[in-house]
Protein backbone atom coordinates (compact mmCIF):
# COMPACT_ATOMS: atom_id res chain seq x y z
CA MET A 1 -180.49 89.13 73.56
CA ILE A 2 -180.23 91.76 70.83
CA LEU A 3 -177.22 93.32 72.53
CA SER A 4 -175.66 89.89 72.87
CA LEU A 5 -176.14 89.14 69.18
CA VAL A 6 -174.66 92.50 68.12
CA SER A 7 -171.68 91.89 70.36
CA CYS A 8 -171.11 88.42 68.89
CA CYS A 9 -171.27 89.75 65.33
CA LYS A 10 -168.86 92.55 66.14
CA ASP A 11 -166.33 90.26 67.77
CA ALA A 12 -166.64 87.44 65.25
CA PRO A 13 -163.22 86.40 63.94
CA LYS A 14 -162.39 87.22 60.33
CA ASP A 15 -162.39 84.38 57.88
CA PRO A 16 -158.71 83.76 57.10
CA GLY A 17 -159.77 82.54 53.70
CA ASN A 18 -160.73 86.10 52.80
CA GLU A 19 -157.41 87.67 53.76
CA LYS A 20 -156.14 87.34 50.21
CA ASP A 21 -158.97 89.56 49.07
CA SER A 22 -157.18 92.53 50.63
CA VAL A 23 -154.37 92.21 48.06
CA ILE A 24 -156.06 92.80 44.74
CA ALA A 25 -154.17 93.82 41.63
CA ASP A 26 -155.03 97.39 40.71
CA PRO A 27 -155.04 97.74 36.90
CA ASN A 28 -154.35 101.44 37.37
CA ASN A 29 -150.96 100.65 38.92
CA ILE A 30 -148.57 99.21 36.35
CA ASN A 31 -145.25 97.44 36.54
CA VAL A 32 -143.50 97.63 33.16
CA SER A 33 -140.40 95.57 32.35
CA ILE A 34 -138.26 95.56 29.21
CA LEU A 35 -136.09 92.53 28.40
CA ILE A 36 -133.50 93.29 25.73
CA ASP A 37 -131.97 90.61 23.52
CA LEU A 38 -128.38 91.80 22.99
CA SER A 39 -127.37 88.96 20.66
CA ASP A 40 -125.79 89.57 17.25
CA ARG A 41 -129.20 90.51 15.86
CA ILE A 42 -128.28 94.12 16.76
CA ASP A 43 -124.90 93.97 14.97
CA PRO A 44 -125.12 96.44 12.05
CA SER A 45 -122.29 94.60 10.28
CA ALA A 46 -123.76 91.09 10.52
CA ASN A 47 -127.41 92.14 10.14
CA PRO A 48 -127.51 95.49 8.34
CA ASN A 49 -130.75 97.24 7.46
CA PRO A 50 -130.40 100.27 5.17
CA THR A 51 -133.80 101.66 6.14
CA MET A 52 -133.13 101.70 9.88
CA GLU A 53 -130.68 99.57 11.84
CA TYR A 54 -132.27 97.14 14.30
CA PHE A 55 -130.57 98.62 17.35
CA GLN A 56 -131.98 102.02 16.36
CA ARG A 57 -135.45 100.52 16.05
CA ASP A 58 -135.06 99.02 19.52
CA THR A 59 -134.14 102.36 21.07
CA GLU A 60 -137.21 103.94 19.49
CA TYR A 61 -139.40 101.09 20.75
CA ILE A 62 -138.05 101.70 24.25
CA LYS A 63 -138.74 105.39 23.92
CA ALA A 64 -142.34 104.59 22.92
CA ILE A 65 -142.70 102.27 25.94
CA GLU A 66 -141.48 105.06 28.20
CA LYS A 67 -143.92 107.47 26.54
CA GLY A 68 -146.82 105.09 27.16
CA PHE A 69 -145.70 104.61 30.76
CA LEU A 70 -145.55 108.34 31.47
CA ASN A 71 -148.85 108.97 29.67
CA HIS A 72 -150.46 106.39 31.94
CA ILE A 73 -149.14 108.04 35.09
CA LYS A 74 -150.14 111.53 33.95
CA SER A 75 -153.69 110.27 33.50
CA LYS A 76 -153.91 109.47 37.23
CA LYS A 77 -154.28 111.54 40.37
CA ILE A 78 -150.97 112.05 42.17
CA ILE A 79 -152.27 110.34 45.30
CA THR A 80 -152.77 107.12 43.31
CA TYR A 81 -149.23 106.95 41.87
CA ASP A 82 -147.73 103.50 42.48
CA ASP A 83 -146.03 102.50 39.23
CA GLN A 84 -142.59 101.40 38.09
CA MET A 85 -140.51 100.54 35.02
CA GLN A 86 -137.19 98.76 34.57
CA VAL A 87 -134.86 97.22 31.96
CA PHE A 88 -133.21 93.77 32.02
CA PHE A 89 -130.69 91.74 30.01
CA ASN A 90 -130.03 88.02 30.18
CA PRO A 91 -127.17 87.31 30.34
CA GLU A 92 -125.66 90.58 31.47
CA PRO A 93 -123.15 92.20 29.09
CA LEU A 94 -119.49 92.35 30.11
CA ASP A 95 -119.35 96.15 30.34
CA PRO A 96 -119.61 97.10 34.05
CA LYS A 97 -121.31 100.34 33.02
CA MET A 98 -124.38 98.28 32.13
CA ASN A 99 -125.19 97.82 35.80
CA GLU A 100 -125.21 101.58 36.25
CA PHE A 101 -127.40 102.02 33.19
CA THR A 102 -129.98 99.56 34.50
CA LYS A 103 -130.00 101.26 37.90
CA GLU A 104 -130.71 104.57 36.21
CA LEU A 105 -133.45 103.06 34.07
CA LYS A 106 -135.28 101.58 37.06
CA VAL A 107 -137.81 104.28 37.83
CA SER A 108 -140.81 104.40 40.14
CA PHE A 109 -143.57 106.86 40.92
CA ASP A 110 -145.50 107.27 44.15
CA LYS A 111 -147.62 109.98 45.74
CA ASN A 112 -144.46 111.82 46.87
CA THR A 113 -142.94 112.02 43.39
CA GLU A 114 -142.01 115.54 42.37
CA ARG A 115 -143.31 116.92 39.09
CA ASN A 116 -139.84 117.48 37.60
CA TYR A 117 -139.17 113.72 37.88
CA PHE A 118 -141.09 113.25 34.63
CA GLU A 119 -138.42 115.27 32.80
CA ALA A 120 -135.64 113.31 34.49
CA VAL A 121 -137.14 109.98 33.41
CA ASP A 122 -137.69 111.25 29.89
CA LYS A 123 -134.04 112.32 29.67
CA LYS A 124 -132.78 108.97 30.94
CA TYR A 125 -134.83 107.01 28.44
CA SER A 126 -133.77 109.31 25.61
CA GLU A 127 -130.05 108.76 26.22
CA LEU A 128 -129.21 105.59 28.14
CA PRO A 129 -130.77 102.90 25.88
CA LEU A 130 -128.61 104.07 22.96
CA ASN A 131 -125.55 103.91 25.24
CA ILE A 132 -126.45 100.31 26.09
CA TYR A 133 -126.64 99.25 22.44
CA GLN A 134 -123.50 101.14 21.45
CA SER A 135 -121.61 99.48 24.28
CA ALA A 136 -122.81 96.01 23.26
CA ILE A 137 -121.93 96.62 19.61
CA HIS A 138 -118.51 98.04 20.51
CA ASP A 139 -117.84 95.05 22.79
CA GLY A 140 -118.70 92.70 19.93
CA ASN A 141 -119.01 89.69 22.23
CA TYR A 142 -122.53 88.56 21.39
CA VAL A 143 -123.10 85.73 23.87
CA GLY A 144 -126.65 85.00 22.77
CA SER A 145 -130.03 85.50 24.33
CA ASP A 146 -130.99 83.36 27.31
CA ILE A 147 -134.68 84.25 27.32
CA TRP A 148 -135.66 80.71 28.35
CA GLU A 149 -133.59 80.90 31.55
CA PHE A 150 -135.02 84.34 32.31
CA PHE A 151 -138.54 82.92 32.21
CA LYS A 152 -137.49 79.90 34.25
CA ASN A 153 -135.63 81.60 37.08
CA LYS A 154 -136.16 85.35 37.03
CA VAL A 155 -139.42 86.52 35.53
CA LYS A 156 -141.52 85.99 38.67
CA ASP A 157 -139.06 87.80 40.94
CA TYR A 158 -138.17 90.59 38.53
CA CYS A 159 -141.31 91.31 36.53
CA ILE A 160 -144.36 90.33 38.61
CA LYS A 161 -145.88 92.17 41.55
CA ASP A 162 -149.12 90.90 43.06
CA ASP A 163 -150.70 94.32 43.50
CA ARG A 164 -150.03 95.69 40.00
CA ARG A 165 -150.77 95.09 36.35
CA ASN A 166 -147.56 93.51 35.04
CA ILE A 167 -146.41 94.11 31.47
CA LEU A 168 -143.23 92.63 29.97
CA PHE A 169 -141.87 93.85 26.64
CA ILE A 170 -139.30 91.59 24.96
CA LEU A 171 -137.13 93.07 22.20
CA THR A 172 -135.86 90.14 20.15
CA ASP A 173 -135.75 88.71 16.64
CA GLY A 174 -137.62 85.64 17.87
CA TYR A 175 -134.73 83.21 17.85
CA MET A 176 -133.61 81.95 21.25
CA TYR A 177 -130.16 80.53 21.98
CA HIS A 178 -127.54 80.38 24.70
CA ASP A 179 -124.76 77.83 25.23
CA ASN A 180 -125.45 77.52 28.95
CA THR A 181 -129.14 76.71 28.44
CA LYS A 182 -129.22 74.43 25.43
CA PHE A 183 -131.11 71.19 25.96
CA ASN A 184 -134.10 69.25 24.73
CA GLU A 185 -136.85 67.13 26.26
CA GLU A 186 -137.97 64.74 23.55
CA ASN A 187 -138.87 67.04 20.62
CA LYS A 188 -139.09 70.21 22.68
CA THR A 189 -136.08 72.49 23.11
CA SER A 190 -134.91 75.42 25.21
CA TYR A 191 -133.75 77.17 22.04
CA LEU A 192 -134.84 78.03 18.52
CA THR A 193 -132.54 78.69 15.57
CA SER A 194 -132.99 78.79 11.82
CA LYS A 195 -130.93 75.61 11.63
CA LEU A 196 -133.36 73.83 13.97
CA ILE A 197 -136.35 75.00 11.92
CA LYS A 198 -134.80 73.44 8.81
CA ALA A 199 -133.84 70.25 10.67
CA ASN A 200 -137.46 69.87 11.82
CA ASN A 201 -138.68 70.30 8.23
CA LEU A 202 -140.73 73.36 9.13
CA THR A 203 -140.32 74.89 5.69
CA THR A 204 -143.73 74.34 4.12
CA SER A 205 -147.21 75.78 4.54
CA ASN A 206 -148.06 72.66 6.57
CA PHE A 207 -145.72 73.68 9.41
CA LYS A 208 -148.50 73.96 12.03
CA ASN A 209 -149.57 70.37 11.51
CA THR A 210 -145.94 69.24 11.61
CA ILE A 211 -145.40 71.08 14.91
CA GLU A 212 -148.54 69.58 16.43
CA LYS A 213 -147.90 66.05 15.17
CA ASN A 214 -144.29 65.93 16.38
CA LYS A 215 -144.90 68.04 19.49
CA PHE A 216 -142.21 70.54 18.56
CA GLY A 217 -141.85 73.68 20.62
CA PHE A 218 -140.12 75.29 23.58
CA VAL A 219 -139.76 73.38 26.83
CA LYS A 220 -142.16 74.92 29.34
CA ALA A 221 -140.18 77.25 31.60
CA ASN A 222 -142.82 78.12 34.21
CA ASP A 223 -146.18 76.85 35.41
CA ASN A 224 -148.45 79.83 35.93
CA LEU A 225 -147.73 83.33 34.62
CA SER A 226 -151.37 84.32 34.27
CA ASN A 227 -150.74 87.69 35.96
CA LEU A 228 -148.18 88.70 33.32
CA GLU A 229 -148.85 90.36 29.96
CA VAL A 230 -146.16 89.94 27.30
CA ILE A 231 -145.50 91.93 24.13
CA VAL A 232 -142.72 90.62 21.87
CA LEU A 233 -141.34 93.17 19.42
CA GLY A 234 -138.88 92.73 16.57
CA ILE A 235 -139.50 89.27 15.09
CA ASN A 236 -137.04 89.10 12.20
CA PRO A 237 -136.76 85.74 10.39
CA GLU A 238 -133.80 84.79 8.25
CA LYS A 239 -134.35 84.92 4.51
CA GLY A 240 -134.94 81.80 2.45
CA ASN A 241 -137.92 80.21 4.19
CA PRO A 242 -141.20 82.07 3.57
CA PHE A 243 -142.77 80.26 6.56
CA GLU A 244 -139.97 80.98 9.04
CA GLU A 245 -141.77 83.91 10.67
CA GLY A 246 -144.92 81.82 11.10
CA VAL A 247 -142.91 79.04 12.72
CA ILE A 248 -141.24 81.46 15.14
CA LYS A 249 -144.56 82.96 16.19
CA GLU A 250 -146.13 79.51 16.58
CA TYR A 251 -143.33 78.45 18.94
CA TRP A 252 -143.77 81.56 21.08
CA GLU A 253 -147.58 81.45 21.14
CA ASN A 254 -147.66 77.80 22.18
CA TRP A 255 -145.04 78.49 24.85
CA PHE A 256 -147.00 81.39 26.30
CA ARG A 257 -150.21 79.36 26.39
CA GLU A 258 -148.45 76.49 28.19
CA MET A 259 -147.29 78.96 30.84
CA LYS A 260 -150.87 80.29 31.14
CA ILE A 261 -150.02 83.74 29.76
CA LYS A 262 -153.41 84.89 28.52
CA ASN A 263 -152.61 88.35 27.22
CA TYR A 264 -149.77 88.45 24.71
CA GLN A 265 -148.80 89.96 21.36
CA ILE A 266 -145.99 89.00 18.99
CA LYS A 267 -145.03 91.65 16.43
CA SER A 268 -142.56 91.64 13.56
CA ALA A 269 -139.68 94.07 13.25
CA ASP A 270 -141.12 97.23 11.76
CA LEU A 271 -140.47 100.94 11.70
CA PRO A 272 -141.04 102.57 15.08
CA SER A 273 -143.75 104.82 13.63
CA ASN A 274 -145.81 101.68 12.95
CA ILE A 275 -145.03 99.97 16.26
CA GLU A 276 -145.54 102.95 18.58
CA PRO A 277 -149.38 102.92 18.38
CA ILE A 278 -149.34 99.21 19.28
CA ILE A 279 -147.15 99.91 22.30
CA LEU A 280 -149.23 102.85 23.51
CA LYS A 281 -152.46 100.88 23.14
CA ALA A 282 -151.03 97.90 25.03
CA ILE A 283 -149.99 100.06 27.99
CA SER A 284 -153.21 102.09 28.09
CA ASN A 285 -155.19 98.81 28.02
CA LYS A 286 -157.74 100.32 25.67
CA ASN A 287 -159.36 98.10 23.07
């Protein structure tokens, strides 16, 4: 009888309900994505900043993200390497070179990665992001930033892997607009402009109550992005409304919560020396 019982236990079928348990996100393996807003916010003629131009700030932010990514990998044993990083635009710029740039900036590490690959990645992220911004500025055809459509149709495929910790950095001034994705559902919109903020009378200290009462905000673009962390960098409100930055952040925060994004940060445009510690801390996941 004992032998029979042992045999039954050994041959017992596995519970199919537990098969998902074999695919568990490993917080030590990270998947970092960078979404760049190449709208006219980066135009040094239209939006100059004598301290440091916004496109230069972006390139330094990207460099800090790469630094945090490499620091994370170096803290691991080689046998545990299973990490990647990539850059996206939406929509894609007209310059065909951009496709080559993004290919070069898609990097991954595994247990077979050679040590000199760190230097290669560092070189790519020191040079190519600036080439991207210079190309966009030279082209001068700022088609807007379709961040809403990216979250609707691309973020799950491009930025989320089930077996990794997924982190998305968005470099944007906080406004969202594209001709091809401009619509509203009642008082919610797929876009946000300074003109809309004024039209909705969000120009007083009571803006949060006004947003809640009228149900203003972004149209929800996705249902469940709970396995995605998002860090927005570069919020830069237009002058004239002292509450504009607060309104922008309120729109984004409410949008993230509706899409079940639990871990997010929204930071204003600042000098890279001030933003770098925030980036490094976010990637290292240390409180």
